[in-house]
Amino acid sequence: MSRIVVTGGSGRLGRTVVAGLAASGHDVVSLDRARRIDTTPSVEGVTHVAVDLTDADAARQALVDARADALIHLAAIAVPFSAPEDVILRTNTTLALNVLGGAARSGIRRIVTASSPTVLGYGAPNGWLPDRFPLDETTPTRPWNAYALSKLVAEQTIAMLAREVSPDIRFAAFRPCYVIAPEEWRGAPTQQGNTVVERLDDPALSAPALFNYVDARDVTAFVEALLPAMGDLPPAEVFFVGAADALARAPLAELLPRFLPGSDALTADLTGTTPAFSSAKAERMLGWRPTRSWRTELAVAAATAASSPASRKDVPA
């Protein structure tokens, strides 16, 4: 058991990570602007602390007070263009510097930051094509908006800190695909406001993210595989974290050319359920593999709903 700080612990991904780490026996300190929100579960073993992490002194003090072994940095403006570009860049980069640097200087020895697949630059208005599919950690980064740039800065921040502080302090970053929280399999809106089923029924909704996704519980499992392995990893290693299939009913070899002009030859091998993003590095270096798919999770949600008392009408005797 260890003591782990999670920033943004009241957010969509943070709630699942916090609950999952606590369920595994870790002491968890959740740092967020709000101490708790209505959808944040009350979990034994979790301490919720309200703090403005854009305040460097407040962030540093909260991290010192946590007396933690590890930190998972999730706090950020999490949706591109959800705020003015200067606000997103300033907020996210300030959070990265305050939290990651503050953690390193407060004695936390395992420091992990969430990045984003958007650092690759897909969706750029002036066009974008990679050298090949599937996309992985060797694909060049070409951010074209403030959100993507802020996430690349977070990756560069841990690389900077790894060159600055004691080599006993270890850093890593991960790029989670489009996160699906447990309640969203049951019909709650996803990050963009659509349900999972709506995103499957209308490929245009998932096309901007190249049909990538990952279950939030699989992200938690990734974190649990990463933390104990960090001592043996190269400094500031970066991982993609995604589902083993695409969020699509048809093969991406058929779908992607409709939304990504000029990609016909590049996507020819994305047959069957093959996703556009590869998490092979995480499997190779950490032994982590995603275990949840939209096919199984929607089926489980439907079966649960069908068996619930609310779904059965009373039958007169």
Protein backbone atom coordinates (compact mmCIF):
# COMPACT_ATOMS: atom_id res chain seq x y z
CA MET A 1 0.00 0.00 0.00
CA SER A 2 1.19 3.54 -0.75
CA ARG A 3 -0.07 7.08 -0.38
CA ILE A 4 -0.99 8.66 -3.71
CA VAL A 5 -2.00 12.22 -4.59
CA VAL A 6 -4.44 12.64 -7.48
CA THR A 7 -4.98 16.17 -8.79
CA GLY A 8 -8.31 16.77 -10.46
CA GLY A 9 -9.72 13.94 -8.38
CA SER A 10 -13.28 15.25 -8.75
CA GLY A 11 -13.15 15.21 -12.56
CA ARG A 12 -14.50 12.65 -15.01
CA LEU A 13 -11.37 10.50 -15.05
CA GLY A 14 -10.25 11.53 -11.58
CA ARG A 15 -13.30 10.10 -9.82
CA THR A 16 -12.67 6.65 -11.24
CA VAL A 17 -8.92 6.76 -10.61
CA VAL A 18 -9.39 7.90 -7.01
CA ALA A 19 -12.02 5.24 -6.28
CA GLY A 20 -10.01 2.51 -8.01
CA LEU A 21 -6.76 3.27 -6.20
CA ALA A 22 -8.57 3.39 -2.86
CA ALA A 23 -10.28 0.06 -3.61
CA SER A 24 -6.83 -1.44 -4.20
CA GLY A 25 -5.80 -0.42 -0.68
CA HIS A 26 -3.92 2.82 -1.34
CA ASP A 27 -4.36 5.94 0.77
CA VAL A 28 -5.47 8.61 -1.69
CA VAL A 29 -5.39 12.39 -1.38
CA SER A 30 -7.60 14.09 -3.97
CA LEU A 31 -6.65 17.70 -4.73
CA ASP A 32 -9.21 19.77 -6.63
CA ARG A 33 -10.71 23.25 -6.67
CA ALA A 34 -13.84 21.85 -4.99
CA ARG A 35 -13.48 19.55 -2.03
CA ARG A 36 -16.10 17.24 -3.51
CA ILE A 37 -18.81 17.44 -6.13
CA ASP A 38 -22.10 15.57 -6.14
CA THR A 39 -20.85 12.85 -8.47
CA THR A 40 -17.63 12.28 -6.50
CA PRO A 41 -18.05 9.04 -4.56
CA SER A 42 -17.43 9.05 -0.83
CA VAL A 43 -14.79 6.35 -0.59
CA GLU A 44 -13.02 5.05 2.50
CA GLY A 45 -9.34 5.81 2.34
CA VAL A 46 -9.73 9.03 0.33
CA THR A 47 -9.01 12.50 1.67
CA HIS A 48 -10.48 15.37 -0.38
CA VAL A 49 -8.63 18.68 -0.20
CA ALA A 50 -9.85 21.89 -1.83
CA VAL A 51 -6.95 23.88 -3.27
CA ASP A 52 -6.27 26.26 -6.15
CA LEU A 53 -3.36 24.53 -7.86
CA THR A 54 -2.71 27.53 -10.11
CA ASP A 55 -1.40 29.19 -6.93
CA ALA A 56 2.19 27.92 -6.72
CA ASP A 57 2.50 28.39 -2.97
CA ALA A 58 -0.84 26.73 -2.25
CA ALA A 59 0.01 23.84 -4.55
CA ARG A 60 3.41 23.32 -2.95
CA GLN A 61 1.95 23.37 0.57
CA ALA A 62 -0.81 20.90 -0.33
CA LEU A 63 1.77 18.54 -1.80
CA VAL A 64 4.04 18.84 1.25
CA ASP A 65 1.08 18.21 3.56
CA ALA A 66 0.06 15.12 1.58
CA ARG A 67 3.32 13.33 2.46
CA ALA A 68 2.74 11.07 -0.53
CA ASP A 69 4.79 8.43 -2.31
CA ALA A 70 3.34 9.14 -5.75
CA LEU A 71 1.38 11.73 -7.69
CA ILE A 72 -1.03 11.42 -10.63
CA HIS A 73 -1.62 14.82 -12.24
CA LEU A 74 -5.01 14.96 -13.97
CA ALA A 75 -6.11 18.53 -13.17
CA ALA A 76 -6.59 20.62 -16.31
CA ILE A 77 -9.08 22.34 -18.55
CA ALA A 78 -9.87 19.06 -20.23
CA VAL A 79 -11.78 19.98 -23.39
CA PRO A 80 -10.24 21.81 -26.37
CA PHE A 81 -11.87 25.19 -27.10
CA SER A 82 -13.98 25.02 -23.92
CA ALA A 83 -12.34 28.30 -22.87
CA PRO A 84 -10.39 31.00 -24.71
CA GLU A 85 -7.11 29.67 -26.10
CA ASP A 86 -4.96 31.90 -23.88
CA VAL A 87 -6.86 30.73 -20.79
CA ILE A 88 -6.42 27.06 -21.66
CA LEU A 89 -2.71 27.43 -22.35
CA ARG A 90 -2.03 29.56 -19.30
CA THR A 91 -4.10 27.41 -16.94
CA ASN A 92 -2.85 24.01 -18.05
CA THR A 93 0.81 24.95 -18.28
CA THR A 94 0.68 26.71 -14.92
CA LEU A 95 -0.92 23.64 -13.38
CA ALA A 96 1.76 21.41 -14.87
CA LEU A 97 4.65 23.54 -13.62
CA ASN A 98 3.16 24.10 -10.15
CA VAL A 99 2.07 20.52 -9.56
CA LEU A 100 4.88 18.56 -11.20
CA GLY A 101 7.65 20.84 -10.00
CA GLY A 102 6.05 21.19 -6.58
CA ALA A 103 5.78 17.42 -6.23
CA ALA A 104 9.43 16.93 -7.11
CA ARG A 105 10.50 19.51 -4.56
CA SER A 106 8.23 18.18 -1.79
CA GLY A 107 9.72 14.69 -1.71
CA ILE A 108 7.26 12.78 -3.91
CA ARG A 109 9.31 10.18 -5.78
CA ARG A 110 6.91 8.88 -8.44
CA ILE A 111 5.34 11.63 -10.56
CA VAL A 112 2.94 10.96 -13.43
CA THR A 113 1.17 13.46 -15.66
CA ALA A 114 -1.77 12.96 -18.00
CA SER A 115 -1.10 14.14 -21.54
CA SER A 116 -3.37 13.62 -24.57
CA PRO A 117 -3.37 11.96 -28.00
CA THR A 118 -4.19 15.40 -29.41
CA VAL A 119 -0.49 16.28 -29.23
CA LEU A 120 -0.19 14.43 -32.55
CA GLY A 121 -2.18 17.15 -34.27
CA TYR A 122 -4.99 15.26 -35.96
CA GLY A 123 -7.88 17.44 -37.04
CA ALA A 124 -5.63 20.36 -38.00
CA PRO A 125 -7.55 22.80 -40.24
CA ASN A 126 -4.73 22.83 -42.80
CA GLY A 127 -4.71 19.05 -43.03
CA TRP A 128 -2.94 16.25 -41.24
CA LEU A 129 -1.72 12.82 -42.21
CA PRO A 130 0.66 10.62 -40.22
CA ASP A 131 3.48 8.59 -41.68
CA ARG A 132 1.60 5.41 -40.84
CA PHE A 133 -1.10 3.75 -38.78
CA PRO A 134 -1.55 2.65 -36.09
CA LEU A 135 -0.36 5.74 -34.26
CA ASP A 136 2.06 5.25 -31.38
CA GLU A 137 4.65 7.04 -29.27
CA THR A 138 7.01 7.41 -32.24
CA THR A 139 4.44 9.40 -34.26
CA PRO A 140 5.64 13.03 -34.49
CA THR A 141 3.85 15.58 -32.31
CA ARG A 142 2.22 18.47 -34.21
CA PRO A 143 -0.16 20.31 -31.86
CA TRP A 144 -2.37 22.91 -33.52
CA ASN A 145 -4.45 24.28 -30.64
CA ALA A 146 -3.81 25.52 -27.12
CA TYR A 147 -5.10 22.38 -25.42
CA ALA A 148 -2.82 20.06 -27.40
CA LEU A 149 0.11 22.41 -26.94
CA SER A 150 -0.48 22.55 -23.18
CA LYS A 151 -0.37 18.78 -22.99
CA LEU A 152 2.88 18.64 -24.93
CA VAL A 153 4.26 21.24 -22.52
CA ALA A 154 3.31 18.92 -19.64
CA GLU A 155 5.33 16.15 -21.27
CA GLN A 156 8.25 18.50 -21.74
CA THR A 157 7.92 19.68 -18.15
CA ILE A 158 8.60 16.22 -16.75
CA ALA A 159 11.49 15.84 -19.20
CA MET A 160 12.89 19.15 -17.91
CA LEU A 161 12.46 18.13 -14.29
CA ALA A 162 14.09 14.76 -14.92
CA ARG A 163 17.19 16.66 -16.03
CA GLU A 164 17.03 18.98 -13.03
CA VAL A 165 16.22 16.98 -9.92
CA SER A 166 17.60 13.85 -8.28
CA PRO A 167 17.50 10.72 -10.47
CA ASP A 168 15.77 9.02 -7.55
CA ILE A 169 12.66 10.99 -8.50
CA ARG A 170 11.00 9.29 -11.46
CA PHE A 171 8.63 10.79 -14.01
CA ALA A 172 6.26 9.45 -16.66
CA ALA A 173 3.42 10.69 -18.87
CA PHE A 174 0.47 8.91 -20.42
CA ARG A 175 -1.88 9.87 -23.23
CA PRO A 176 -5.33 8.49 -22.43
CA CYS A 177 -7.67 8.12 -25.38
CA TYR A 178 -11.25 9.49 -25.23
CA VAL A 179 -12.21 8.52 -21.68
CA ILE A 180 -15.50 6.73 -21.08
CA ALA A 181 -16.56 6.79 -17.42
CA PRO A 182 -18.54 3.82 -15.99
CA GLU A 183 -21.82 5.75 -15.87
CA GLU A 184 -21.50 6.66 -19.53
CA TRP A 185 -21.95 3.04 -20.60
CA ARG A 186 -25.36 3.34 -18.93
CA GLY A 187 -26.35 6.36 -21.02
CA ALA A 188 -24.85 9.38 -19.26
CA PRO A 189 -23.46 11.99 -21.69
CA THR A 190 -19.80 11.65 -22.67
CA GLN A 191 -17.35 14.55 -22.67
CA GLN A 192 -18.75 16.01 -25.89
CA GLY A 193 -22.37 15.69 -24.72
CA ASN A 194 -23.32 12.65 -26.82
CA THR A 195 -24.00 9.19 -25.46
CA VAL A 196 -21.75 6.27 -26.39
CA VAL A 197 -24.53 4.76 -28.52
CA GLU A 198 -25.00 8.05 -30.37
CA ARG A 199 -21.27 8.16 -31.10
CA LEU A 200 -21.47 4.63 -32.49
CA ASP A 201 -24.58 5.30 -34.54
CA ASP A 202 -23.16 8.48 -36.10
CA PRO A 203 -19.48 7.97 -37.05
CA ALA A 204 -19.08 11.71 -37.62
CA LEU A 205 -19.21 12.21 -33.83
CA SER A 206 -16.22 9.95 -33.12
CA ALA A 207 -14.27 10.74 -36.29
CA PRO A 208 -12.59 13.90 -34.89
CA ALA A 209 -10.86 11.69 -32.28
CA LEU A 210 -10.09 9.03 -34.90
CA PHE A 211 -12.52 6.71 -33.09
CA ASN A 212 -10.23 6.32 -30.07
CA TYR A 213 -11.51 5.63 -26.56
CA VAL A 214 -10.61 3.96 -23.27
CA ASP A 215 -12.58 2.90 -20.20
CA ALA A 216 -11.65 4.99 -17.14
CA ARG A 217 -11.16 1.80 -15.11
CA ASP A 218 -8.58 0.59 -17.61
CA VAL A 219 -6.74 3.88 -17.10
CA THR A 220 -6.72 3.18 -13.37
CA ALA A 221 -5.27 -0.27 -14.02
CA PHE A 222 -2.61 1.32 -16.21
CA VAL A 223 -1.63 3.70 -13.39
CA GLU A 224 -1.39 0.78 -10.98
CA ALA A 225 0.90 -1.06 -13.40
CA LEU A 226 3.00 2.04 -14.07
CA LEU A 227 3.81 3.24 -10.56
CA PRO A 228 5.78 0.22 -9.30
CA ALA A 229 7.65 -0.07 -12.62
CA MET A 230 8.87 3.53 -12.81
CA GLY A 231 12.19 2.84 -11.15
CA ASP A 232 13.18 0.65 -14.07
CA LEU A 233 11.89 2.91 -16.87
CA PRO A 234 13.86 5.54 -18.81
CA PRO A 235 13.32 9.09 -17.51
CA ALA A 236 10.05 10.80 -18.52
CA GLU A 237 8.71 7.86 -20.53
CA VAL A 238 5.46 8.45 -22.45
CA PHE A 239 2.69 5.90 -23.08
CA PHE A 240 -0.50 5.74 -25.10
CA VAL A 241 -3.42 4.26 -23.14
CA GLY A 242 -6.35 3.15 -25.25
CA ALA A 243 -8.88 0.38 -25.81
CA ALA A 244 -7.91 -2.58 -27.95
CA ASP A 245 -10.60 -1.77 -30.50
CA ALA A 246 -12.08 1.30 -32.17
CA LEU A 247 -15.26 3.09 -31.09
CA ALA A 248 -16.90 2.16 -34.37
CA ARG A 249 -19.22 -0.47 -35.79
CA ALA A 250 -17.29 -0.71 -39.09
CA PRO A 251 -13.56 -1.27 -39.69
CA LEU A 252 -11.48 1.91 -39.69
CA ALA A 253 -10.08 0.90 -43.08
CA GLU A 254 -13.55 1.77 -44.34
CA LEU A 255 -14.42 4.67 -42.05
CA LEU A 256 -11.27 6.78 -41.75
CA PRO A 257 -10.85 7.59 -45.47
CA ARG A 258 -14.32 9.20 -45.33
CA PHE A 259 -13.17 11.67 -42.70
CA LEU A 260 -9.40 11.83 -43.29
CA PRO A 261 -8.82 12.61 -46.97
CA GLY A 262 -5.81 10.87 -48.48
CA SER A 263 -5.61 8.17 -45.82
CA ASP A 264 -6.84 5.23 -47.91
CA ALA A 265 -3.46 3.53 -48.24
CA LEU A 266 -2.38 4.44 -44.69
CA THR A 267 -5.47 2.90 -43.10
CA ALA A 268 -5.64 -0.23 -45.25
CA ASP A 269 -4.37 -2.44 -42.42
CA LEU A 270 -6.94 -1.14 -39.88
CA THR A 271 -9.25 -4.06 -40.55
CA GLY A 272 -11.68 -5.78 -38.21
CA THR A 273 -11.76 -3.97 -34.86
CA THR A 274 -8.17 -2.63 -35.02
CA PRO A 275 -7.94 0.88 -33.49
CA ALA A 276 -6.01 3.83 -34.90
CA PHE A 277 -3.87 4.06 -31.74
CA SER A 278 -1.56 1.39 -30.38
CA SER A 279 -0.95 0.73 -26.68
CA ALA A 280 1.62 -1.97 -27.46
CA LYS A 281 4.37 -0.08 -25.66
CA ALA A 282 2.46 -0.18 -22.36
CA GLU A 283 1.93 -3.92 -22.78
CA ARG A 284 5.56 -4.51 -23.67
CA MET A 285 7.08 -2.41 -20.88
CA LEU A 286 4.46 -2.67 -18.13
CA GLY A 287 2.44 -5.78 -18.88
CA TRP A 288 -0.73 -3.66 -19.06
CA ARG A 289 -3.53 -4.45 -21.48
CA PRO A 290 -7.01 -2.89 -21.67
CA THR A 291 -9.73 -5.30 -20.59
CA ARG A 292 -12.91 -3.40 -21.52
CA SER A 293 -14.57 -2.87 -24.88
CA TRP A 294 -17.69 -0.95 -25.89
CA ARG A 295 -19.11 -4.27 -27.08
CA THR A 296 -18.96 -5.88 -23.64
CA GLU A 297 -19.64 -2.79 -21.56
CA LEU A 298 -22.80 -1.78 -23.43
CA ALA A 299 -24.04 -5.35 -23.19
CA VAL A 300 -23.42 -5.40 -19.43
CA ALA A 301 -25.18 -2.03 -19.03
CA ALA A 302 -28.18 -3.25 -21.02
CA ALA A 303 -28.42 -6.49 -19.04
CA THR A 304 -28.19 -4.61 -15.75
CA ALA A 305 -30.90 -2.18 -16.80
CA ALA A 306 -33.17 -5.02 -17.93
CA SER A 307 -32.84 -6.81 -14.59
CA SER A 308 -33.35 -3.74 -12.39
CA PRO A 309 -36.67 -3.41 -10.53
CA ALA A 310 -37.37 -0.05 -12.20
CA SER A 311 -37.38 -1.71 -15.62
CA ARG A 312 -40.08 -4.25 -14.68
CA LYS A 313 -43.74 -3.25 -14.63
CA ASP A 314 -45.87 -4.48 -11.78
CA VAL A 315 -48.19 -7.24 -12.91
CA PRO A 316 -51.58 -7.44 -11.12
CA ALA A 317 -52.27 -10.69 -9.29
